[in-house]
Amino acid sequence: MVFQKGREKTGGRKPGSTNKATTDIKSRIATLIDSQFDGITTDLEQLEPKDRIAAYLKFLEYILPKQREQKIDLSTLTDEQVDDLLNKALNKLS
């Protein structure tokens, strides 16, 4: 059967539905980590500080969403608008 342009999709997974294999593996990994948590904590404590921090950063990749770079085209702003933005940013830091 040849695909016809504009034809509605039939069959298969619905958009946004989770993959069974992915869900199963994530569940197994969570169970493994949960059951071995005390051992993992002990292992982390035995690491050198720089290695411990590297491990924490790796864990964070799976907990926190990745941040996307935000670009602002300042060329469209007036000098007053740029000054206002800078003042707001500096006030939040202090």
C-alpha atoms as a PDB file:
ATOM      1  CA  MET A   1       0.000   0.000   0.000  1.00  0.00           C
ATOM      2  CA  VAL A   2       1.424   3.364  -1.017  1.00  0.00           C
ATOM      3  CA  PHE A   3       1.284   6.227   1.476  1.00  0.00           C
ATOM      4  CA  GLN A   4      -1.084   8.961   0.368  1.00  0.00           C
ATOM      5  CA  LYS A   5      -0.238  12.513   1.363  1.00  0.00           C
ATOM      6  CA  GLY A   6      -2.768  14.060   3.755  1.00  0.00           C
ATOM      7  CA  ARG A   7      -4.156  10.693   4.810  1.00  0.00           C
ATOM      8  CA  GLU A   8      -4.989  10.363   8.521  1.00  0.00           C
ATOM      9  CA  LYS A   9      -2.710   8.141  10.592  1.00  0.00           C
ATOM     10  CA  THR A  10      -4.220   4.817  11.635  1.00  0.00           C
ATOM     11  CA  GLY A  11      -2.860   2.269  14.111  1.00  0.00           C
ATOM     12  CA  GLY A  12       0.270   2.478  16.202  1.00  0.00           C
ATOM     13  CA  ARG A  13       0.780   4.333  19.461  1.00  0.00           C
ATOM     14  CA  LYS A  14      -1.028   7.584  20.063  1.00  0.00           C
ATOM     15  CA  PRO A  15       1.159  10.728  20.200  1.00  0.00           C
ATOM     16  CA  GLY A  16       2.520  11.292  23.700  1.00  0.00           C
ATOM     17  CA  SER A  17       1.891   7.752  24.925  1.00  0.00           C
ATOM     18  CA  THR A  18       4.747   6.068  26.776  1.00  0.00           C
ATOM     19  CA  ASN A  19       6.755   3.197  25.384  1.00  0.00           C
ATOM     20  CA  LYS A  20       6.179  -0.017  27.404  1.00  0.00           C
ATOM     21  CA  ALA A  21       9.846  -1.026  27.326  1.00  0.00           C
ATOM     22  CA  THR A  22      10.999   2.405  28.517  1.00  0.00           C
ATOM     23  CA  THR A  23       8.465   2.420  31.331  1.00  0.00           C
ATOM     24  CA  ASP A  24       9.519  -1.092  32.398  1.00  0.00           C
ATOM     25  CA  ILE A  25      13.237  -0.265  32.400  1.00  0.00           C
ATOM     26  CA  LYS A  26      12.707   2.980  34.340  1.00  0.00           C
ATOM     27  CA  SER A  27      10.688   1.046  36.907  1.00  0.00           C
ATOM     28  CA  ARG A  28      13.397  -1.608  37.253  1.00  0.00           C
ATOM     29  CA  ILE A  29      16.148   1.002  37.648  1.00  0.00           C
ATOM     30  CA  ALA A  30      14.109   2.852  40.300  1.00  0.00           C
ATOM     31  CA  THR A  31      13.584  -0.411  42.209  1.00  0.00           C
ATOM     32  CA  LEU A  32      17.299  -1.275  42.005  1.00  0.00           C
ATOM     33  CA  ILE A  33      18.378   2.148  43.242  1.00  0.00           C
ATOM     34  CA  ASP A  34      15.784   2.098  46.001  1.00  0.00           C
ATOM     35  CA  SER A  35      16.930  -1.315  47.245  1.00  0.00           C
ATOM     36  CA  GLN A  36      20.628  -0.357  47.076  1.00  0.00           C
ATOM     37  CA  PHE A  37      20.298   3.227  48.338  1.00  0.00           C
ATOM     38  CA  ASP A  38      22.313   2.706  51.545  1.00  0.00           C
ATOM     39  CA  GLY A  39      25.170   1.091  49.617  1.00  0.00           C
ATOM     40  CA  ILE A  40      25.154   3.850  47.021  1.00  0.00           C
ATOM     41  CA  THR A  41      25.276   6.475  49.777  1.00  0.00           C
ATOM     42  CA  THR A  42      28.252   4.721  51.387  1.00  0.00           C
ATOM     43  CA  ASP A  43      30.019   4.491  48.018  1.00  0.00           C
ATOM     44  CA  LEU A  44      29.477   8.213  47.401  1.00  0.00           C
ATOM     45  CA  GLU A  45      30.896   9.093  50.821  1.00  0.00           C
ATOM     46  CA  GLN A  46      34.092   7.167  49.997  1.00  0.00           C
ATOM     47  CA  LEU A  47      34.720   9.118  46.800  1.00  0.00           C
ATOM     48  CA  GLU A  48      37.118  12.039  46.555  1.00  0.00           C
ATOM     49  CA  PRO A  49      35.252  15.375  46.794  1.00  0.00           C
ATOM     50  CA  LYS A  50      35.676  16.195  43.081  1.00  0.00           C
ATOM     51  CA  ASP A  51      34.409  12.725  42.082  1.00  0.00           C
ATOM     52  CA  ARG A  52      31.505  13.013  44.531  1.00  0.00           C
ATOM     53  CA  ILE A  53      30.473  16.333  42.999  1.00  0.00           C
ATOM     54  CA  ALA A  54      30.711  14.819  39.503  1.00  0.00           C
ATOM     55  CA  ALA A  55      28.413  11.992  40.622  1.00  0.00           C
ATOM     56  CA  TYR A  56      25.917  14.463  42.136  1.00  0.00           C
ATOM     57  CA  LEU A  57      25.880  16.436  38.882  1.00  0.00           C
ATOM     58  CA  LYS A  58      25.209  13.240  36.932  1.00  0.00           C
ATOM     59  CA  PHE A  59      22.272  12.432  39.240  1.00  0.00           C
ATOM     60  CA  LEU A  60      20.871  15.934  38.779  1.00  0.00           C
ATOM     61  CA  GLU A  61      20.647  15.377  35.024  1.00  0.00           C
ATOM     62  CA  TYR A  62      17.920  12.821  35.715  1.00  0.00           C
ATOM     63  CA  ILE A  63      16.061  14.911  38.294  1.00  0.00           C
ATOM     64  CA  LEU A  64      16.050  18.477  37.019  1.00  0.00           C
ATOM     65  CA  PRO A  65      14.923  19.424  33.524  1.00  0.00           C
ATOM     66  CA  LYS A  66      17.642  20.759  31.278  1.00  0.00           C
ATOM     67  CA  GLN A  67      17.599  24.519  30.882  1.00  0.00           C
ATOM     68  CA  ARG A  68      17.410  25.969  27.410  1.00  0.00           C
ATOM     69  CA  GLU A  69      19.526  28.908  26.369  1.00  0.00           C
ATOM     70  CA  GLN A  70      17.552  32.135  26.192  1.00  0.00           C
ATOM     71  CA  LYS A  71      18.628  34.684  23.609  1.00  0.00           C
ATOM     72  CA  ILE A  72      17.485  38.283  23.726  1.00  0.00           C
ATOM     73  CA  ASP A  73      17.995  40.633  20.800  1.00  0.00           C
ATOM     74  CA  LEU A  74      19.003  43.821  22.583  1.00  0.00           C
ATOM     75  CA  SER A  75      19.348  45.726  19.325  1.00  0.00           C
ATOM     76  CA  THR A  76      15.572  46.283  19.265  1.00  0.00           C
ATOM     77  CA  LEU A  77      15.576  47.903  22.730  1.00  0.00           C
ATOM     78  CA  THR A  78      16.191  51.526  23.573  1.00  0.00           C
ATOM     79  CA  ASP A  79      19.033  52.490  25.890  1.00  0.00           C
ATOM     80  CA  GLU A  80      16.478  53.186  28.635  1.00  0.00           C
ATOM     81  CA  GLN A  81      14.955  49.699  28.267  1.00  0.00           C
ATOM     82  CA  VAL A  82      18.406  48.074  28.454  1.00  0.00           C
ATOM     83  CA  ASP A  83      19.260  50.133  31.559  1.00  0.00           C
ATOM     84  CA  ASP A  84      15.940  49.133  33.136  1.00  0.00           C
ATOM     85  CA  LEU A  85      16.617  45.427  32.486  1.00  0.00           C
ATOM     86  CA  LEU A  86      20.128  45.688  33.921  1.00  0.00           C
ATOM     87  CA  ASN A  87      18.867  47.448  37.053  1.00  0.00           C
ATOM     88  CA  LYS A  88      16.199  44.772  37.578  1.00  0.00           C
ATOM     89  CA  ALA A  89      18.787  42.004  37.204  1.00  0.00           C
ATOM     90  CA  LEU A  90      21.217  43.682  39.588  1.00  0.00           C
ATOM     91  CA  ASN A  91      18.471  44.238  42.180  1.00  0.00           C
ATOM     92  CA  LYS A  92      17.602  40.527  42.113  1.00  0.00           C
ATOM     93  CA  LEU A  93      21.241  39.626  42.817  1.00  0.00           C
ATOM     94  CA  SER A  94      21.469  41.788  45.930  1.00  0.00           C
END
